[in-house]
Amino acid sequence: VVSGKSLTGRREYTIPKGTEKGDTLAAAVDC
């Protein structure tokens, strides 16, 4: 639902449509 590449500095992103009870969010990061 949201991604970015070659990033530096502080960043913040909205997760579209919020969350529902029981939703599972996966966050993969390469640094």
PDB file of all heavy atoms in Angstrom:
ATOM      1  N   VAL A   1       0.808  -1.217   0.000  1.00  0.00           N
ATOM      2  CA  VAL A   1       0.000   0.000   0.000  1.00  0.00           C
ATOM      3  C   VAL A   1       0.841   1.266   0.000  1.00  0.00           C
ATOM      4  O   VAL A   1       0.357   2.330  -0.374  1.00  0.00           O
ATOM      5  CB  VAL A   1      -1.000   0.033   1.183  1.00  0.00           C
ATOM      6  CG1 VAL A   1      -2.049  -1.057   1.035  1.00  0.00           C
ATOM      7  CG2 VAL A   1      -0.300  -0.060   2.521  1.00  0.00           C
ATOM      8  N   VAL A   2       2.104   1.163   0.423  1.00  0.00           N
ATOM      9  CA  VAL A   2       3.006   2.310   0.386  1.00  0.00           C
ATOM     10  C   VAL A   2       4.439   1.785   0.337  1.00  0.00           C
ATOM     11  O   VAL A   2       4.750   0.753   0.930  1.00  0.00           O
ATOM     12  CB  VAL A   2       2.771   3.270   1.597  1.00  0.00           C
ATOM     13  CG1 VAL A   2       3.070   2.600   2.895  1.00  0.00           C
ATOM     14  CG2 VAL A   2       3.535   4.565   1.444  1.00  0.00           C
ATOM     15  N   SER A   3       5.284   2.492  -0.424  1.00  0.00           N
ATOM     16  CA  SER A   3       6.675   2.058  -0.564  1.00  0.00           C
ATOM     17  C   SER A   3       7.546   3.246  -0.961  1.00  0.00           C
ATOM     18  O   SER A   3       7.037   4.293  -1.354  1.00  0.00           O
ATOM     19  CB  SER A   3       6.796   0.947  -1.609  1.00  0.00           C
ATOM     20  OG  SER A   3       6.418   1.426  -2.887  1.00  0.00           O
ATOM     21  N   GLY A   4       8.846   3.055  -0.863  1.00  0.00           N
ATOM     22  CA  GLY A   4       9.792   4.089  -1.268  1.00  0.00           C
ATOM     23  C   GLY A   4      11.168   3.472  -1.454  1.00  0.00           C
ATOM     24  O   GLY A   4      11.454   2.403  -0.927  1.00  0.00           O
ATOM     25  N   LYS A   5      12.011   4.147  -2.237  1.00  0.00           N
ATOM     26  CA  LYS A   5      13.363   3.631  -2.494  1.00  0.00           C
ATOM     27  C   LYS A   5      14.371   4.765  -2.448  1.00  0.00           C
ATOM     28  O   LYS A   5      14.012   5.931  -2.625  1.00  0.00           O
ATOM     29  CB  LYS A   5      13.423   2.907  -3.833  1.00  0.00           C
ATOM     30  CG  LYS A   5      13.060   3.769  -5.014  1.00  0.00           C
ATOM     31  CD  LYS A   5      13.014   2.961  -6.298  1.00  0.00           C
ATOM     32  CE  LYS A   5      12.575   3.855  -7.447  1.00  0.00           C
ATOM     33  NZ  LYS A   5      12.538   3.135  -8.686  1.00  0.00           N
ATOM     34  N   SER A   6      15.628   4.406  -2.182  1.00  0.00           N
ATOM     35  CA  SER A   6      16.750   5.361  -2.108  1.00  0.00           C
ATOM     36  C   SER A   6      16.426   6.551  -1.221  1.00  0.00           C
ATOM     37  O   SER A   6      16.631   7.703  -1.598  1.00  0.00           O
ATOM     38  CB  SER A   6      17.145   5.813  -3.516  1.00  0.00           C
ATOM     39  OG  SER A   6      17.549   4.719  -4.295  1.00  0.00           O
ATOM     40  N   LEU A   7      15.940   6.292  -0.018  1.00  0.00           N
ATOM     41  CA  LEU A   7      15.493   7.342   0.886  1.00  0.00           C
ATOM     42  C   LEU A   7      16.560   7.708   1.909  1.00  0.00           C
ATOM     43  O   LEU A   7      17.345   6.862   2.334  1.00  0.00           O
ATOM     44  CB  LEU A   7      14.233   6.889   1.620  1.00  0.00           C
ATOM     45  CG  LEU A   7      13.047   6.560   0.718  1.00  0.00           C
ATOM     46  CD1 LEU A   7      11.946   5.877   1.504  1.00  0.00           C
ATOM     47  CD2 LEU A   7      12.528   7.814   0.037  1.00  0.00           C
ATOM     48  N   THR A   8      16.556   8.971   2.302  1.00  0.00           N
ATOM     49  CA  THR A   8      17.397   9.475   3.384  1.00  0.00           C
ATOM     50  C   THR A   8      16.550  10.468   4.173  1.00  0.00           C
ATOM     51  O   THR A   8      15.515  10.934   3.688  1.00  0.00           O
ATOM     52  CB  THR A   8      18.657  10.184   2.862  1.00  0.00           C
ATOM     53  OG1 THR A   8      18.258  11.268   2.023  1.00  0.00           O
ATOM     54  CG2 THR A   8      19.560   9.231   2.086  1.00  0.00           C
ATOM     55  N   GLY A   9      16.970  10.784   5.390  1.00  0.00           N
ATOM     56  CA  GLY A   9      16.226  11.753   6.197  1.00  0.00           C
ATOM     57  C   GLY A   9      14.944  11.173   6.753  1.00  0.00           C
ATOM     58  O   GLY A   9      14.527  10.074   6.404  1.00  0.00           O
ATOM     59  N   ARG A  10      14.303  11.939   7.641  1.00  0.00           N
ATOM     60  CA  ARG A  10      13.061  11.500   8.273  1.00  0.00           C
ATOM     61  C   ARG A  10      11.933  11.500   7.247  1.00  0.00           C
ATOM     62  O   ARG A  10      11.782  12.451   6.498  1.00  0.00           O
ATOM     63  CB  ARG A  10      12.717  12.430   9.429  1.00  0.00           C
ATOM     64  CG  ARG A  10      11.533  11.970  10.247  1.00  0.00           C
ATOM     65  CD  ARG A  10      11.118  13.038  11.253  1.00  0.00           C
ATOM     66  NE  ARG A  10      10.246  12.644  12.311  1.00  0.00           N
ATOM     67  CZ  ARG A  10       9.095  11.986  12.211  1.00  0.00           C
ATOM     68  NH1 ARG A  10       8.670  11.577  11.046  1.00  0.00           N
ATOM     69  NH2 ARG A  10       8.364  11.705  13.273  1.00  0.00           N
ATOM     70  N   ARG A  11      11.118  10.450   7.270  1.00  0.00           N
ATOM     71  CA  ARG A  11       9.969  10.338   6.354  1.00  0.00           C
ATOM     72  C   ARG A  11       8.776   9.787   7.118  1.00  0.00           C
ATOM     73  O   ARG A  11       8.928   8.970   8.013  1.00  0.00           O
ATOM     74  CB  ARG A  11      10.263   9.381   5.198  1.00  0.00           C
ATOM     75  CG  ARG A  11      11.509   9.670   4.388  1.00  0.00           C
ATOM     76  CD  ARG A  11      11.322  10.910   3.528  1.00  0.00           C
ATOM     77  NE  ARG A  11      12.542  11.197   2.818  1.00  0.00           N
ATOM     78  CZ  ARG A  11      12.638  11.238   1.493  1.00  0.00           C
ATOM     79  NH1 ARG A  11      11.589  11.037   0.744  1.00  0.00           N
ATOM     80  NH2 ARG A  11      13.794  11.518   0.930  1.00  0.00           N
ATOM     81  N   GLU A  12       7.575  10.223   6.718  1.00  0.00           N
ATOM     82  CA  GLU A  12       6.347   9.688   7.302  1.00  0.00           C
ATOM     83  C   GLU A  12       5.328   9.480   6.196  1.00  0.00           C
ATOM     84  O   GLU A  12       5.199  10.317   5.296  1.00  0.00           O
ATOM     85  CB  GLU A  12       5.785  10.636   8.362  1.00  0.00           C
ATOM     86  CG  GLU A  12       4.600  10.064   9.092  1.00  0.00           C
ATOM     87  CD  GLU A  12       4.193  10.882  10.307  1.00  0.00           C
ATOM     88  OE1 GLU A  12       4.956  11.766  10.727  1.00  0.00           O
ATOM     89  OE2 GLU A  12       3.101  10.610  10.827  1.00  0.00           O
ATOM     90  N   TYR A  13       4.614   8.358   6.263  1.00  0.00           N
ATOM     91  CA  TYR A  13       3.640   7.994   5.243  1.00  0.00           C
ATOM     92  C   TYR A  13       2.331   7.585   5.901  1.00  0.00           C
ATOM     93  O   TYR A  13       2.326   6.881   6.909  1.00  0.00           O
ATOM     94  CB  TYR A  13       4.151   6.814   4.402  1.00  0.00           C
ATOM     95  CG  TYR A  13       5.455   7.102   3.708  1.00  0.00           C
ATOM     96  CD1 TYR A  13       6.666   6.886   4.344  1.00  0.00           C
ATOM     97  CD2 TYR A  13       5.460   7.614   2.412  1.00  0.00           C
ATOM     98  CE1 TYR A  13       7.870   7.158   3.713  1.00  0.00           C
ATOM     99  CE2 TYR A  13       6.658   7.892   1.771  1.00  0.00           C
ATOM    100  CZ  TYR A  13       7.859   7.667   2.434  1.00  0.00           C
ATOM    101  OH  TYR A  13       9.042   7.949   1.805  1.00  0.00           O
ATOM    102  N   THR A  14       1.225   8.004   5.304  1.00  0.00           N
ATOM    103  CA  THR A  14      -0.095   7.579   5.751  1.00  0.00           C
ATOM    104  C   THR A  14      -0.372   6.184   5.204  1.00  0.00           C
ATOM    105  O   THR A  14      -0.054   5.892   4.049  1.00  0.00           O
ATOM    106  CB  THR A  14      -1.172   8.556   5.238  1.00  0.00           C
ATOM    107  OG1 THR A  14      -0.885   9.843   5.775  1.00  0.00           O
ATOM    108  CG2 THR A  14      -2.560   8.115   5.638  1.00  0.00           C
ATOM    109  N   ILE A  15      -0.941   5.339   6.036  1.00  0.00           N
ATOM    110  CA  ILE A  15      -1.372   4.018   5.584  1.00  0.00           C
ATOM    111  C   ILE A  15      -2.808   4.189   5.101  1.00  0.00           C
ATOM    112  O   ILE A  15      -3.705   4.488   5.906  1.00  0.00           O
ATOM    113  CB  ILE A  15      -1.270   2.972   6.717  1.00  0.00           C
ATOM    114  CG1 ILE A  15       0.199   2.844   7.131  1.00  0.00           C
ATOM    115  CG2 ILE A  15      -1.857   1.639   6.270  1.00  0.00           C
ATOM    116  CD1 ILE A  15       0.436   2.018   8.348  1.00  0.00           C
ATOM    117  N   PRO A  16      -3.024   4.072   3.785  1.00  0.00           N
ATOM    118  CA  PRO A  16      -4.357   4.335   3.224  1.00  0.00           C
ATOM    119  C   PRO A  16      -5.453   3.506   3.894  1.00  0.00           C
ATOM    120  O   PRO A  16      -5.268   2.333   4.190  1.00  0.00           O
ATOM    121  CB  PRO A  16      -4.207   3.932   1.758  1.00  0.00           C
ATOM    122  CG  PRO A  16      -2.743   4.031   1.482  1.00  0.00           C
ATOM    123  CD  PRO A  16      -2.071   3.650   2.780  1.00  0.00           C
ATOM    124  N   LYS A  17      -6.579   4.148   4.161  1.00  0.00           N
ATOM    125  CA  LYS A  17      -7.795   3.540   4.712  1.00  0.00           C
ATOM    126  C   LYS A  17      -7.663   3.071   6.151  1.00  0.00           C
ATOM    127  O   LYS A  17      -8.531   2.376   6.658  1.00  0.00           O
ATOM    128  CB  LYS A  17      -8.279   2.386   3.823  1.00  0.00           C
ATOM    129  CG  LYS A  17      -8.601   2.816   2.408  1.00  0.00           C
ATOM    130  CD  LYS A  17      -9.077   1.655   1.575  1.00  0.00           C
ATOM    131  CE  LYS A  17      -9.312   2.099   0.140  1.00  0.00           C
ATOM    132  NZ  LYS A  17      -9.741   1.016  -0.700  1.00  0.00           N
ATOM    133  N   GLY A  18      -6.596   3.417   6.850  1.00  0.00           N
ATOM    134  CA  GLY A  18      -6.454   3.015   8.243  1.00  0.00           C
ATOM    135  C   GLY A  18      -6.342   1.508   8.390  1.00  0.00           C
ATOM    136  O   GLY A  18      -5.856   0.825   7.488  1.00  0.00           O
ATOM    137  N   THR A  19      -6.797   0.988   9.534  1.00  0.00           N
ATOM    138  CA  THR A  19      -6.691  -0.445   9.798  1.00  0.00           C
ATOM    139  C   THR A  19      -8.021  -1.000  10.282  1.00  0.00           C
ATOM    140  O   THR A  19      -8.855  -0.265  10.802  1.00  0.00           O
ATOM    141  CB  THR A  19      -5.637  -0.743  10.883  1.00  0.00           C
ATOM    142  OG1 THR A  19      -6.117  -0.271  12.148  1.00  0.00           O
ATOM    143  CG2 THR A  19      -4.305  -0.094  10.560  1.00  0.00           C
ATOM    144  N   GLU A  20      -8.205  -2.276  10.140  1.00  0.00           N
ATOM    145  CA  GLU A  20      -9.362  -2.994  10.664  1.00  0.00           C
ATOM    146  C   GLU A  20      -8.879  -3.968  11.726  1.00  0.00           C
ATOM    147  O   GLU A  20      -7.729  -4.413  11.690  1.00  0.00           O
ATOM    148  CB  GLU A  20     -10.067  -3.774   9.544  1.00  0.00           C
ATOM    149  CG  GLU A  20     -10.696  -2.907   8.472  1.00  0.00           C
ATOM    150  CD  GLU A  20     -11.885  -2.096   8.970  1.00  0.00           C
ATOM    151  OE1 GLU A  20     -12.583  -2.544   9.909  1.00  0.00           O
ATOM    152  OE2 GLU A  20     -12.107  -1.004   8.428  1.00  0.00           O
ATOM    153  N   LYS A  21      -9.729  -4.321  12.658  1.00  0.00           N
ATOM    154  CA  LYS A  21      -9.393  -5.315  13.668  1.00  0.00           C
ATOM    155  C   LYS A  21      -9.006  -6.619  12.967  1.00  0.00           C
ATOM    156  O   LYS A  21      -9.715  -7.080  12.072  1.00  0.00           O
ATOM    157  CB  LYS A  21     -10.574  -5.566  14.605  1.00  0.00           C
ATOM    158  CG  LYS A  21     -10.279  -6.571  15.685  1.00  0.00           C
ATOM    159  CD  LYS A  21     -11.456  -6.760  16.605  1.00  0.00           C
ATOM    160  CE  LYS A  21     -11.078  -7.784  17.672  1.00  0.00           C
ATOM    161  NZ  LYS A  21     -12.165  -7.971  18.624  1.00  0.00           N
ATOM    162  N   GLY A  22      -7.853  -7.174  13.350  1.00  0.00           N
ATOM    163  CA  GLY A  22      -7.387  -8.431  12.764  1.00  0.00           C
ATOM    164  C   GLY A  22      -6.497  -8.262  11.548  1.00  0.00           C
ATOM    165  O   GLY A  22      -5.886  -9.226  11.097  1.00  0.00           O
ATOM    166  N   ASP A  23      -6.385  -7.040  11.006  1.00  0.00           N
ATOM    167  CA  ASP A  23      -5.482  -6.808   9.873  1.00  0.00           C
ATOM    168  C   ASP A  23      -4.046  -7.109  10.283  1.00  0.00           C
ATOM    169  O   ASP A  23      -3.642  -6.839  11.419  1.00  0.00           O
ATOM    170  CB  ASP A  23      -5.532  -5.343   9.419  1.00  0.00           C
ATOM    171  CG  ASP A  23      -6.725  -5.012   8.553  1.00  0.00           C
ATOM    172  OD1 ASP A  23      -7.456  -5.936   8.147  1.00  0.00           O
ATOM    173  OD2 ASP A  23      -6.920  -3.808   8.281  1.00  0.00           O
ATOM    174  N   THR A  24      -3.261  -7.626   9.330  1.00  0.00           N
ATOM    175  CA  THR A  24      -1.842  -7.888   9.572  1.00  0.00           C
ATOM    176  C   THR A  24      -1.029  -7.080   8.567  1.00  0.00           C
ATOM    177  O   THR A  24      -1.173  -7.254   7.360  1.00  0.00           O
ATOM    178  CB  THR A  24      -1.527  -9.390   9.429  1.00  0.00           C
ATOM    179  OG1 THR A  24      -2.313 -10.104  10.385  1.00  0.00           O
ATOM    180  CG2 THR A  24      -0.058  -9.662   9.686  1.00  0.00           C
ATOM    181  N   LEU A  25      -0.207  -6.193   9.072  1.00  0.00           N
ATOM    182  CA  LEU A  25       0.627  -5.321   8.261  1.00  0.00           C
ATOM    183  C   LEU A  25       2.042  -5.876   8.219  1.00  0.00           C
ATOM    184  O   LEU A  25       2.613  -6.186   9.268  1.00  0.00           O
ATOM    185  CB  LEU A  25       0.645  -3.914   8.864  1.00  0.00           C
ATOM    186  CG  LEU A  25       1.317  -2.836   8.031  1.00  0.00           C
ATOM    187  CD1 LEU A  25       0.409  -2.442   6.875  1.00  0.00           C
ATOM    188  CD2 LEU A  25       1.616  -1.630   8.905  1.00  0.00           C
ATOM    189  N   ALA A  26       2.599  -6.036   7.023  1.00  0.00           N
ATOM    190  CA  ALA A  26       3.990  -6.473   6.854  1.00  0.00           C
ATOM    191  C   ALA A  26       4.814  -5.256   6.445  1.00  0.00           C
ATOM    192  O   ALA A  26       4.416  -4.509   5.547  1.00  0.00           O
ATOM    193  CB  ALA A  26       4.085  -7.552   5.791  1.00  0.00           C
ATOM    194  N   ALA A  27       5.942  -5.055   7.117  1.00  0.00           N
ATOM    195  CA  ALA A  27       6.833  -3.936   6.803  1.00  0.00           C
ATOM    196  C   ALA A  27       8.223  -4.493   6.512  1.00  0.00           C
ATOM    197  O   ALA A  27       8.882  -5.029   7.397  1.00  0.00           O
ATOM    198  CB  ALA A  27       6.891  -2.951   7.974  1.00  0.00           C
ATOM    199  N   ALA A  28       8.646  -4.384   5.235  1.00  0.00           N
ATOM    200  CA  ALA A  28       9.977  -4.842   4.816  1.00  0.00           C
ATOM    201  C   ALA A  28      10.852  -3.619   4.601  1.00  0.00           C
ATOM    202  O   ALA A  28      10.427  -2.640   3.975  1.00  0.00           O
ATOM    203  CB  ALA A  28       9.880  -5.646   3.524  1.00  0.00           C
ATOM    204  N   VAL A  29      12.072  -3.671   5.141  1.00  0.00           N
ATOM    205  CA  VAL A  29      13.012  -2.552   5.046  1.00  0.00           C
ATOM    206  C   VAL A  29      14.376  -3.095   4.648  1.00  0.00           C
ATOM    207  O   VAL A  29      14.843  -4.074   5.219  1.00  0.00           O
ATOM    208  CB  VAL A  29      13.130  -1.803   6.394  1.00  0.00           C
ATOM    209  CG1 VAL A  29      14.152  -0.680   6.295  1.00  0.00           C
ATOM    210  CG2 VAL A  29      11.789  -1.280   6.858  1.00  0.00           C
ATOM    211  N   ASP A  30      15.004  -2.462   3.656  1.00  0.00           N
ATOM    212  CA  ASP A  30      16.402  -2.736   3.296  1.00  0.00           C
ATOM    213  C   ASP A  30      17.169  -1.463   3.612  1.00  0.00           C
ATOM    214  O   ASP A  30      16.826  -0.396   3.093  1.00  0.00           O
ATOM    215  CB  ASP A  30      16.550  -3.054   1.803  1.00  0.00           C
ATOM    216  CG  ASP A  30      15.954  -4.395   1.408  1.00  0.00           C
ATOM    217  OD1 ASP A  30      15.676  -5.211   2.301  1.00  0.00           O
ATOM    218  OD2 ASP A  30      15.761  -4.622   0.203  1.00  0.00           O
ATOM    219  N   CYS A  31      18.189  -1.544   4.471  1.00  0.00           N
ATOM    220  CA  CYS A  31      18.950  -0.330   4.782  1.00  0.00           C
ATOM    221  C   CYS A  31      20.438  -0.589   4.651  1.00  0.00           C
ATOM    222  O   CYS A  31      20.904  -1.726   4.722  1.00  0.00           O
ATOM    223  CB  CYS A  31      18.600   0.226   6.154  1.00  0.00           C
ATOM    224  SG  CYS A  31      19.286  -0.637   7.559  1.00  0.00           S
TER     225      CYS A  31
END
